[in-house]
Amino acid sequence: MLTLVAATMLSMAAMKADPMDDARKAFNNCMIETHNKGITDKLSPSSFTKAADEACMTERTTYRDILIKSERSYGSSQKDAEKFANEEVQMIVDSVVTSFNENVENGAKLTPEK
């Protein structure tokens, strides 16, 4: 039993952070913070959409760049990798905008990922 616990602890220690997932979480959590601030500030849906399009540029760029690099490593062309990355980034933005539109009336906030 002790050996199993020790082996599990060693394998967990050996696991490395996933840069792509870390970048996705950072971007998603930044967008969630933008959502929650928009709820607190009682932004209109159109004002929030504009704010969401301009939010989290550092995190957005980092995530997009990692996605492009990953897609290129699988043999995608630069153009296809950029298209895929842009779509993935836009899906997060669209999800947060949709959540805002659903939550603006009741003031509900989103919970960041851990």
C-alpha atoms as a PDB file:
ATOM      1  CA  MET A   1       0.000   0.000   0.000  1.00  0.00           C
ATOM      2  CA  LEU A   2       2.762   2.407   0.910  1.00  0.00           C
ATOM      3  CA  THR A   3       4.488   1.603  -2.377  1.00  0.00           C
ATOM      4  CA  LEU A   4       1.353   2.498  -4.329  1.00  0.00           C
ATOM      5  CA  VAL A   5       1.049   5.827  -2.528  1.00  0.00           C
ATOM      6  CA  ALA A   6       4.723   6.595  -3.096  1.00  0.00           C
ATOM      7  CA  ALA A   7       4.462   5.673  -6.776  1.00  0.00           C
ATOM      8  CA  THR A   8       1.393   7.866  -7.186  1.00  0.00           C
ATOM      9  CA  MET A   9       3.115  10.809  -5.507  1.00  0.00           C
ATOM     10  CA  LEU A  10       6.183  10.393  -7.714  1.00  0.00           C
ATOM     11  CA  SER A  11       4.136  10.233 -10.898  1.00  0.00           C
ATOM     12  CA  MET A  12       2.179  13.339  -9.874  1.00  0.00           C
ATOM     13  CA  ALA A  13       5.431  15.166  -9.167  1.00  0.00           C
ATOM     14  CA  ALA A  14       6.728  14.148 -12.576  1.00  0.00           C
ATOM     15  CA  MET A  15       3.702  15.571 -14.381  1.00  0.00           C
ATOM     16  CA  LYS A  16       4.419  18.826 -16.086  1.00  0.00           C
ATOM     17  CA  ALA A  17       1.979  21.639 -16.517  1.00  0.00           C
ATOM     18  CA  ASP A  18       0.303  21.756 -19.902  1.00  0.00           C
ATOM     19  CA  PRO A  19       1.200  25.157 -21.420  1.00  0.00           C
ATOM     20  CA  MET A  20      -1.787  25.097 -23.782  1.00  0.00           C
ATOM     21  CA  ASP A  21      -4.258  24.306 -21.015  1.00  0.00           C
ATOM     22  CA  ASP A  22      -2.645  26.892 -18.747  1.00  0.00           C
ATOM     23  CA  ALA A  23      -2.965  29.524 -21.489  1.00  0.00           C
ATOM     24  CA  ARG A  24      -6.583  28.536 -22.155  1.00  0.00           C
ATOM     25  CA  LYS A  25      -7.424  28.771 -18.448  1.00  0.00           C
ATOM     26  CA  ALA A  26      -5.715  32.152 -18.146  1.00  0.00           C
ATOM     27  CA  PHE A  27      -7.656  33.515 -21.110  1.00  0.00           C
ATOM     28  CA  ASN A  28     -10.942  31.954 -20.016  1.00  0.00           C
ATOM     29  CA  ASN A  29     -10.534  33.230 -16.439  1.00  0.00           C
ATOM     30  CA  CYS A  30      -9.714  36.715 -17.683  1.00  0.00           C
ATOM     31  CA  MET A  31     -12.865  36.650 -19.810  1.00  0.00           C
ATOM     32  CA  ILE A  32     -14.845  35.447 -16.781  1.00  0.00           C
ATOM     33  CA  GLU A  33     -13.486  38.403 -14.799  1.00  0.00           C
ATOM     34  CA  THR A  34     -14.595  40.666 -17.666  1.00  0.00           C
ATOM     35  CA  HIS A  35     -18.065  39.073 -17.528  1.00  0.00           C
ATOM     36  CA  ASN A  36     -18.324  39.529 -13.778  1.00  0.00           C
ATOM     37  CA  LYS A  37     -17.176  43.159 -13.957  1.00  0.00           C
ATOM     38  CA  GLY A  38     -19.729  43.796 -16.706  1.00  0.00           C
ATOM     39  CA  ILE A  39     -22.450  42.336 -14.484  1.00  0.00           C
ATOM     40  CA  THR A  40     -21.320  44.468 -11.527  1.00  0.00           C
ATOM     41  CA  ASP A  41     -21.137  47.583 -13.713  1.00  0.00           C
ATOM     42  CA  LYS A  42     -24.548  46.753 -15.225  1.00  0.00           C
ATOM     43  CA  LEU A  43     -23.312  47.083 -18.795  1.00  0.00           C
ATOM     44  CA  SER A  44     -25.794  46.781 -21.623  1.00  0.00           C
ATOM     45  CA  PRO A  45     -25.399  43.685 -23.808  1.00  0.00           C
ATOM     46  CA  SER A  46     -24.026  45.763 -26.687  1.00  0.00           C
ATOM     47  CA  SER A  47     -21.515  47.520 -24.409  1.00  0.00           C
ATOM     48  CA  PHE A  48     -20.424  44.179 -23.004  1.00  0.00           C
ATOM     49  CA  THR A  49     -19.953  42.683 -26.473  1.00  0.00           C
ATOM     50  CA  LYS A  50     -17.625  45.562 -27.340  1.00  0.00           C
ATOM     51  CA  ALA A  51     -15.780  45.186 -24.019  1.00  0.00           C
ATOM     52  CA  ALA A  52     -15.417  41.422 -24.533  1.00  0.00           C
ATOM     53  CA  ASP A  53     -13.964  41.913 -28.020  1.00  0.00           C
ATOM     54  CA  GLU A  54     -11.282  44.186 -26.560  1.00  0.00           C
ATOM     55  CA  ALA A  55     -10.619  42.311 -23.294  1.00  0.00           C
ATOM     56  CA  CYS A  56      -7.715  40.136 -22.220  1.00  0.00           C
ATOM     57  CA  MET A  57      -5.458  40.831 -25.185  1.00  0.00           C
ATOM     58  CA  THR A  58      -2.296  39.502 -23.517  1.00  0.00           C
ATOM     59  CA  GLU A  59      -3.957  36.224 -22.513  1.00  0.00           C
ATOM     60  CA  ARG A  60      -5.763  35.997 -25.855  1.00  0.00           C
ATOM     61  CA  THR A  61      -2.526  36.422 -27.809  1.00  0.00           C
ATOM     62  CA  THR A  62      -0.649  33.914 -25.660  1.00  0.00           C
ATOM     63  CA  TYR A  63      -3.372  31.287 -26.105  1.00  0.00           C
ATOM     64  CA  ARG A  64      -3.672  31.948 -29.839  1.00  0.00           C
ATOM     65  CA  ASP A  65       0.093  31.707 -30.351  1.00  0.00           C
ATOM     66  CA  ILE A  66       0.280  28.381 -28.488  1.00  0.00           C
ATOM     67  CA  LEU A  67      -2.611  27.017 -30.541  1.00  0.00           C
ATOM     68  CA  ILE A  68      -0.913  28.041 -33.780  1.00  0.00           C
ATOM     69  CA  LYS A  69       2.369  26.462 -32.709  1.00  0.00           C
ATOM     70  CA  SER A  70       0.586  23.256 -31.740  1.00  0.00           C
ATOM     71  CA  GLU A  71      -1.336  23.047 -35.024  1.00  0.00           C
ATOM     72  CA  ARG A  72       1.828  23.722 -37.014  1.00  0.00           C
ATOM     73  CA  SER A  73       3.551  20.860 -35.163  1.00  0.00           C
ATOM     74  CA  TYR A  74       0.859  18.537 -36.533  1.00  0.00           C
ATOM     75  CA  GLY A  75       1.595  19.675 -40.075  1.00  0.00           C
ATOM     76  CA  SER A  76      -1.039  22.356 -40.573  1.00  0.00           C
ATOM     77  CA  SER A  77      -0.218  25.274 -42.804  1.00  0.00           C
ATOM     78  CA  GLN A  78       0.245  28.664 -41.177  1.00  0.00           C
ATOM     79  CA  LYS A  79      -3.050  29.834 -42.660  1.00  0.00           C
ATOM     80  CA  ASP A  80      -4.987  26.799 -41.401  1.00  0.00           C
ATOM     81  CA  ALA A  81      -3.347  26.987 -37.965  1.00  0.00           C
ATOM     82  CA  GLU A  82      -4.261  30.668 -37.650  1.00  0.00           C
ATOM     83  CA  LYS A  83      -7.829  29.974 -38.757  1.00  0.00           C
ATOM     84  CA  PHE A  84      -8.182  27.201 -36.176  1.00  0.00           C
ATOM     85  CA  ALA A  85      -6.657  29.350 -33.417  1.00  0.00           C
ATOM     86  CA  ASN A  86      -8.914  32.298 -34.247  1.00  0.00           C
ATOM     87  CA  GLU A  87     -11.964  30.027 -34.124  1.00  0.00           C
ATOM     88  CA  GLU A  88     -10.948  28.576 -30.744  1.00  0.00           C
ATOM     89  CA  VAL A  89     -10.375  32.040 -29.270  1.00  0.00           C
ATOM     90  CA  GLN A  90     -13.678  33.292 -30.677  1.00  0.00           C
ATOM     91  CA  MET A  91     -15.538  30.336 -29.152  1.00  0.00           C
ATOM     92  CA  ILE A  92     -14.400  31.430 -25.676  1.00  0.00           C
ATOM     93  CA  VAL A  93     -15.379  35.046 -26.345  1.00  0.00           C
ATOM     94  CA  ASP A  94     -18.765  34.001 -27.741  1.00  0.00           C
ATOM     95  CA  SER A  95     -19.409  31.734 -24.767  1.00  0.00           C
ATOM     96  CA  VAL A  96     -18.768  34.548 -22.302  1.00  0.00           C
ATOM     97  CA  VAL A  97     -20.924  36.978 -24.305  1.00  0.00           C
ATOM     98  CA  THR A  98     -23.757  34.422 -24.366  1.00  0.00           C
ATOM     99  CA  SER A  99     -23.401  33.919 -20.610  1.00  0.00           C
ATOM    100  CA  PHE A 100     -23.482  37.671 -20.069  1.00  0.00           C
ATOM    101  CA  ASN A 101     -26.668  38.015 -22.107  1.00  0.00           C
ATOM    102  CA  GLU A 102     -28.251  35.259 -20.015  1.00  0.00           C
ATOM    103  CA  ASN A 103     -27.020  36.708 -16.705  1.00  0.00           C
ATOM    104  CA  VAL A 104     -27.420  40.448 -17.194  1.00  0.00           C
ATOM    105  CA  GLU A 105     -30.977  40.512 -15.849  1.00  0.00           C
ATOM    106  CA  ASN A 106     -30.442  38.339 -12.774  1.00  0.00           C
ATOM    107  CA  GLY A 107     -26.907  39.499 -11.971  1.00  0.00           C
ATOM    108  CA  ALA A 108     -25.448  35.989 -11.883  1.00  0.00           C
ATOM    109  CA  LYS A 109     -21.663  35.745 -12.045  1.00  0.00           C
ATOM    110  CA  LEU A 110     -19.389  33.053 -13.421  1.00  0.00           C
ATOM    111  CA  THR A 111     -16.846  31.126 -11.368  1.00  0.00           C
ATOM    112  CA  PRO A 112     -13.265  31.046 -12.622  1.00  0.00           C
ATOM    113  CA  GLU A 113     -11.546  27.722 -13.311  1.00  0.00           C
ATOM    114  CA  LYS A 114      -8.996  26.476 -10.821  1.00  0.00           C
END
